[in-house]
Amino acid sequence: MNTETKEEGAAVQREVDRVISAARDSLTDEMVGRLAGSAAEALDLVDKAGRAGLGKAIPALAEMVNNGDLERVAQLARVYHASQDALTDEMVGRLSDAVGGGLSLLDQVNRSGLDKAIPIISRMAIDGDLERLSQLARVYSSAQDALTDEMVGRLAETLGEGLSLLDRVNRSGAGRLVEMLEHLESTGALERIANTLPQLADRLDMIAGLMGCMESAASKSREHPAAGGVGSMWRMMTDEKTARSLQFLIEMSDQMQQHCAKPR
C-alpha cells in the first residue's frame, strides 16, 4: 500500500514538474514583464486599500449588494452617463444660464426682504384674496385691451376737467360751504330741509299753476270787459260762478288767517 502511494506521489510530482517546465518554456520576456507589472499594480492597489481603510466598507458594500442598492446606484450612474452624453454645448449653456438666473433671483429676494411677505401671501391665498386680485388684474387687462385711443383721450379730458373743477371749488372757498353744511347737520336743520324739499317742490308747482291761472284770468278780463250798471252788477251777483268764486275766496282767506295770521 505504501509502495503504491509513493508511486502515485512521484507521478504527480513528475506531472507538476512537466507543467512548470512547459510554462517556463512558453513564457517570453514580454509576458514575464507584463505579469510582473500586473502583480506590482495589484500589490500597490491592495496596499492603498489597506491604508485607506476600505476594509471597513466591505460590510456596507455587501449589505448594498444584498439589498439591491448597489444595482440601483449602478443604474443611476448609467442614467447620469446617458444624460451626460445627450447634453449638447447649447443645452449646457442654457442650463448654466437658468441656474445663474435662479441664484440671482434668490439673492435679490433675500436682499429685498421678500421672505417677510410670504406669510401675507399665504394668508391671502387661504382667504381667497389672491384669487380676487388675479381676477381684478384680468379685468384690468381686458379693459386695457378694449380701450381705444379715442376712449383714452376722452377719459383723460374728463379727468382733467374734474381736477380743474375741484381746484376751482377749492379756490372759491368750499371750506366755508362744508363748515356751513356741518353746522346745519349738527343742528338738525339739514335733515329738516331734506324733508321739506319734496313739499316745497309741490308748493312750487302749485304757485306756478296759480300764476298761470291769474295770467289767464287777466287775459280774459281784457278780452271781455264787464258792462256797467246795476243790472249788470245784479246778474253778476246772482251768477253761480260768482257764488263759487266768493266761496273759494272766503275759504282761502280763512286758511290764510289760520296758518299765516297766528300769533307768534
Protein backbone atom coordinates (compact mmCIF):
# COMPACT_ATOMS: atom_id res chain seq x y z
CA MET A 1 0.00 0.00 0.00
CA ASN A 2 2.81 2.39 0.91
CA THR A 3 4.59 1.47 -2.27
CA GLU A 4 1.54 2.40 -4.39
CA THR A 5 1.13 5.73 -2.56
CA LYS A 6 4.75 6.62 -3.14
CA GLU A 7 4.45 5.76 -6.81
CA GLU A 8 1.33 7.94 -7.22
CA GLY A 9 3.04 10.87 -5.45
CA ALA A 10 6.08 10.53 -7.68
CA ALA A 11 3.84 10.51 -10.78
CA VAL A 12 2.01 13.70 -9.64
CA GLN A 13 5.35 15.38 -8.93
CA ARG A 14 6.59 14.50 -12.38
CA GLU A 15 3.40 15.95 -13.94
CA VAL A 16 3.80 19.21 -11.96
CA ASP A 17 7.43 19.44 -12.99
CA ARG A 18 6.48 18.97 -16.63
CA VAL A 19 3.74 21.69 -16.35
CA ILE A 20 6.16 24.13 -14.74
CA SER A 21 8.78 23.36 -17.37
CA ALA A 22 6.23 23.83 -20.18
CA ALA A 23 5.04 27.14 -18.68
CA ARG A 24 8.62 28.33 -18.29
CA ASP A 25 9.36 27.42 -21.88
CA SER A 26 6.18 29.19 -23.17
CA LEU A 27 6.73 32.45 -21.26
CA THR A 28 8.54 35.18 -23.15
CA ASP A 29 10.31 38.15 -21.69
CA GLU A 30 7.38 40.45 -22.64
CA MET A 31 4.84 38.20 -20.91
CA VAL A 32 7.00 38.00 -17.84
CA GLY A 33 7.26 41.82 -17.79
CA ARG A 34 3.50 42.23 -18.09
CA LEU A 35 2.84 39.69 -15.35
CA ALA A 36 5.34 41.41 -13.11
CA GLY A 37 3.74 44.82 -13.79
CA SER A 38 0.25 43.47 -13.14
CA ALA A 39 1.38 41.84 -9.92
CA ALA A 40 3.06 45.06 -8.80
CA GLU A 41 -0.06 47.13 -9.55
CA ALA A 42 -2.24 44.60 -7.74
CA LEU A 43 0.02 44.71 -4.70
CA ASP A 44 0.06 48.53 -4.81
CA LEU A 45 -3.76 48.59 -5.03
CA VAL A 46 -4.04 46.22 -2.09
CA ASP A 47 -1.64 48.43 -0.14
CA LYS A 48 -3.63 51.59 -0.91
CA ALA A 49 -6.91 49.87 0.04
CA GLY A 50 -5.37 48.76 3.31
CA ARG A 51 -4.09 52.25 4.10
CA ALA A 52 -7.39 53.95 3.17
CA GLY A 53 -9.36 51.64 5.43
CA LEU A 54 -11.54 50.27 2.65
CA GLY A 55 -11.81 47.07 4.61
CA LYS A 56 -14.43 48.80 6.76
CA ALA A 57 -16.55 49.46 3.63
CA ILE A 58 -16.75 45.78 2.67
CA PRO A 59 -19.69 45.02 5.07
CA ALA A 60 -21.57 48.08 3.79
CA LEU A 61 -20.96 47.03 0.18
CA ALA A 62 -22.09 43.50 0.99
CA GLU A 63 -25.29 44.84 2.54
CA MET A 64 -25.89 47.07 -0.51
CA VAL A 65 -25.44 44.04 -2.75
CA ASN A 66 -27.91 42.03 -0.68
CA ASN A 67 -30.50 44.86 -0.69
CA GLY A 68 -30.08 45.66 -4.35
CA ASP A 69 -28.89 49.20 -3.60
CA LEU A 70 -25.63 48.67 -5.45
CA GLU A 71 -27.57 47.74 -8.58
CA ARG A 72 -29.71 50.88 -8.25
CA VAL A 73 -26.56 53.01 -7.82
CA ALA A 74 -25.15 51.42 -10.97
CA GLN A 75 -28.38 52.16 -12.86
CA LEU A 76 -28.30 55.76 -11.62
CA ALA A 77 -24.73 56.07 -12.81
CA ARG A 78 -25.75 54.73 -16.23
CA VAL A 79 -28.64 57.25 -16.38
CA TYR A 80 -26.27 60.08 -15.47
CA HIS A 81 -23.79 58.90 -18.09
CA ALA A 82 -26.56 58.71 -20.72
CA SER A 83 -27.80 62.22 -19.87
CA GLN A 84 -24.24 63.50 -19.98
CA ASP A 85 -23.80 62.03 -23.43
CA ALA A 86 -27.17 63.51 -24.57
CA LEU A 87 -26.37 67.03 -23.41
CA THR A 88 -25.03 69.36 -26.05
CA ASP A 89 -23.00 72.50 -25.53
CA GLU A 90 -26.10 74.63 -26.18
CA MET A 91 -28.14 72.73 -23.62
CA VAL A 92 -25.36 73.02 -21.06
CA GLY A 93 -25.19 76.76 -21.72
CA ARG A 94 -28.95 77.16 -21.26
CA LEU A 95 -28.86 75.14 -18.05
CA SER A 96 -26.00 77.26 -16.77
CA ASP A 97 -27.92 80.46 -17.60
CA ALA A 98 -31.06 79.11 -15.90
CA VAL A 99 -29.14 78.14 -12.76
CA GLY A 100 -27.38 81.50 -12.73
CA GLY A 101 -30.69 83.36 -13.14
CA GLY A 102 -32.27 81.32 -10.36
CA LEU A 103 -29.40 82.03 -7.97
CA SER A 104 -29.53 85.74 -8.86
CA LEU A 105 -33.29 85.79 -8.22
CA LEU A 106 -32.84 84.10 -4.85
CA ASP A 107 -30.17 86.64 -3.93
CA GLN A 108 -32.44 89.55 -4.88
CA VAL A 109 -35.34 88.05 -2.91
CA ASN A 110 -33.10 87.62 0.11
CA ARG A 111 -31.77 91.17 -0.10
CA SER A 112 -35.16 92.81 -0.61
CA GLY A 113 -36.72 91.05 2.38
CA LEU A 114 -39.48 89.34 0.41
CA ASP A 115 -39.39 86.46 2.89
CA LYS A 116 -41.48 88.68 5.19
CA ALA A 117 -44.22 88.81 2.54
CA ILE A 118 -44.55 85.03 2.27
CA PRO A 119 -46.87 84.71 5.34
CA ILE A 120 -49.06 87.53 4.00
CA ILE A 121 -49.26 85.92 0.56
CA SER A 122 -50.08 82.58 2.18
CA ARG A 123 -52.89 84.16 4.20
CA MET A 124 -54.21 85.90 1.08
CA ALA A 125 -54.21 82.57 -0.76
CA ILE A 126 -56.12 80.90 2.10
CA ASP A 127 -58.70 83.72 2.33
CA GLY A 128 -59.17 83.87 -1.45
CA ASP A 129 -57.88 87.45 -1.70
CA LEU A 130 -55.10 86.39 -4.06
CA GLU A 131 -57.65 84.88 -6.46
CA ARG A 132 -59.71 88.07 -6.34
CA LEU A 133 -56.60 90.15 -7.08
CA SER A 134 -55.87 87.87 -10.02
CA GLN A 135 -59.41 88.32 -11.32
CA LEU A 136 -59.12 92.09 -10.87
CA ALA A 137 -55.87 92.07 -12.82
CA ARG A 138 -57.56 90.10 -15.63
CA VAL A 139 -60.44 92.60 -15.67
CA TYR A 140 -57.98 95.49 -15.83
CA SER A 141 -56.05 93.78 -18.64
CA SER A 142 -59.29 93.19 -20.58
CA ALA A 143 -60.32 96.82 -20.10
CA GLN A 144 -56.88 97.97 -21.20
CA ASP A 145 -57.12 95.84 -24.33
CA ALA A 146 -60.64 97.15 -25.06
CA LEU A 147 -59.74 100.83 -24.71
CA THR A 148 -59.08 102.67 -27.94
CA ASP A 149 -57.04 105.82 -28.40
CA GLU A 150 -60.20 107.90 -28.66
CA MET A 151 -61.61 106.46 -25.42
CA VAL A 152 -58.32 107.10 -23.64
CA GLY A 153 -58.35 110.69 -24.89
CA ARG A 154 -61.91 111.24 -23.65
CA LEU A 155 -61.10 109.72 -20.26
CA ALA A 156 -58.02 111.91 -19.93
CA GLU A 157 -60.07 115.00 -20.89
CA THR A 158 -62.80 114.13 -18.37
CA LEU A 159 -60.24 113.56 -15.64
CA GLY A 160 -58.58 116.87 -16.41
CA GLU A 161 -61.90 118.72 -16.27
CA GLY A 162 -62.76 117.03 -12.98
CA LEU A 163 -59.45 118.06 -11.43
CA SER A 164 -59.92 121.61 -12.72
CA LEU A 165 -63.40 121.72 -11.19
CA LEU A 166 -62.07 120.51 -7.85
CA ASP A 167 -59.37 123.18 -7.97
CA ARG A 168 -61.95 125.90 -8.68
CA VAL A 169 -64.18 124.68 -5.84
CA ASN A 170 -61.21 124.71 -3.50
CA ARG A 171 -60.22 128.22 -4.53
CA SER A 172 -63.77 129.60 -4.26
CA GLY A 173 -63.98 128.88 -0.53
CA ALA A 174 -65.57 125.46 -0.49
CA GLY A 175 -64.28 125.04 3.05
CA ARG A 176 -66.81 127.57 4.32
CA LEU A 177 -69.59 125.74 2.48
CA VAL A 178 -68.51 122.50 4.15
CA GLU A 179 -68.48 124.22 7.56
CA MET A 180 -71.97 125.58 6.95
CA LEU A 181 -73.23 122.12 5.97
CA GLU A 182 -71.62 120.65 9.09
CA HIS A 183 -73.36 123.28 11.23
CA LEU A 184 -76.70 122.54 9.59
CA GLU A 185 -76.14 118.83 10.14
CA SER A 186 -75.30 119.33 13.83
CA THR A 187 -78.40 121.46 14.46
CA GLY A 188 -80.71 119.12 12.52
CA ALA A 189 -81.63 121.85 10.03
CA LEU A 190 -80.17 119.88 7.12
CA GLU A 191 -82.49 116.96 7.80
CA ARG A 192 -85.48 119.30 8.04
CA ILE A 193 -84.52 120.91 4.73
CA ALA A 194 -84.22 117.47 3.14
CA ASN A 195 -87.68 116.51 4.43
CA THR A 196 -89.20 119.83 3.28
CA LEU A 197 -87.78 119.74 -0.25
CA PRO A 198 -90.46 117.37 -1.69
CA GLN A 199 -93.24 119.51 -0.17
CA LEU A 200 -91.53 122.65 -1.43
CA ALA A 201 -91.42 121.20 -4.94
CA ASP A 202 -95.16 120.50 -4.75
CA ARG A 203 -95.79 124.03 -3.49
CA LEU A 204 -93.74 125.50 -6.31
CA ASP A 205 -95.88 123.59 -8.80
CA MET A 206 -98.97 124.96 -7.08
CA ILE A 207 -97.60 128.53 -7.18
CA ALA A 208 -96.76 128.14 -10.86
CA GLY A 209 -100.31 126.94 -11.52
CA LEU A 210 -101.71 129.88 -9.53
CA MET A 211 -99.65 132.33 -11.56
CA GLY A 212 -100.89 130.71 -14.73
CA CYS A 213 -104.49 130.99 -13.58
CA MET A 214 -104.06 134.67 -12.73
CA GLU A 215 -102.48 135.33 -16.12
CA SER A 216 -105.32 133.53 -17.91
CA ALA A 217 -107.94 135.47 -15.87
CA ALA A 218 -106.24 138.78 -16.69
CA SER A 219 -106.28 137.91 -20.39
CA LYS A 220 -109.99 137.01 -20.32
CA SER A 221 -110.79 140.21 -18.39
CA ARG A 222 -109.10 142.27 -21.06
CA GLU A 223 -110.91 140.43 -23.82
CA HIS A 224 -114.38 140.62 -22.15
CA PRO A 225 -114.64 143.80 -20.11
CA ALA A 226 -117.60 143.95 -17.66
CA ALA A 227 -120.56 146.19 -18.52
CA GLY A 228 -121.55 148.90 -16.07
CA GLY A 229 -124.86 149.46 -14.33
CA VAL A 230 -126.92 147.98 -11.53
CA GLY A 231 -128.44 145.34 -13.77
CA SER A 232 -125.06 144.03 -14.80
CA MET A 233 -123.99 144.00 -11.16
CA TRP A 234 -127.18 142.12 -10.21
CA ARG A 235 -126.68 139.47 -12.87
CA MET A 236 -123.07 139.01 -11.74
CA MET A 237 -124.08 138.65 -8.10
CA THR A 238 -126.78 136.10 -8.92
CA ASP A 239 -124.50 134.05 -11.17
CA GLU A 240 -123.47 130.57 -9.86
CA LYS A 241 -119.86 131.09 -10.89
CA THR A 242 -119.73 134.26 -8.80
CA ALA A 243 -121.03 132.35 -5.78
CA ARG A 244 -118.40 129.63 -6.22
CA SER A 245 -115.67 132.22 -6.64
CA LEU A 246 -116.73 134.07 -3.49
CA GLN A 247 -116.88 130.75 -1.61
CA PHE A 248 -113.34 129.92 -2.78
CA LEU A 249 -112.02 133.33 -1.70
CA ILE A 250 -113.70 133.01 1.70
CA GLU A 251 -112.16 129.53 2.24
CA MET A 252 -108.73 130.75 1.14
CA SER A 253 -108.99 133.75 3.47
CA ASP A 254 -109.97 131.50 6.36
CA GLN A 255 -106.99 129.16 5.74
CA MET A 256 -104.59 132.10 5.44
CA GLN A 257 -105.82 133.50 8.72
CA GLN A 258 -105.39 130.15 10.45
CA HIS A 259 -101.86 129.45 9.15
CA CYS A 260 -100.35 132.85 8.40
CA ALA A 261 -102.01 135.20 10.92
CA LYS A 262 -101.33 133.07 14.02
CA PRO A 263 -99.78 134.96 16.98
CA ARG A 264 -96.07 134.22 17.39
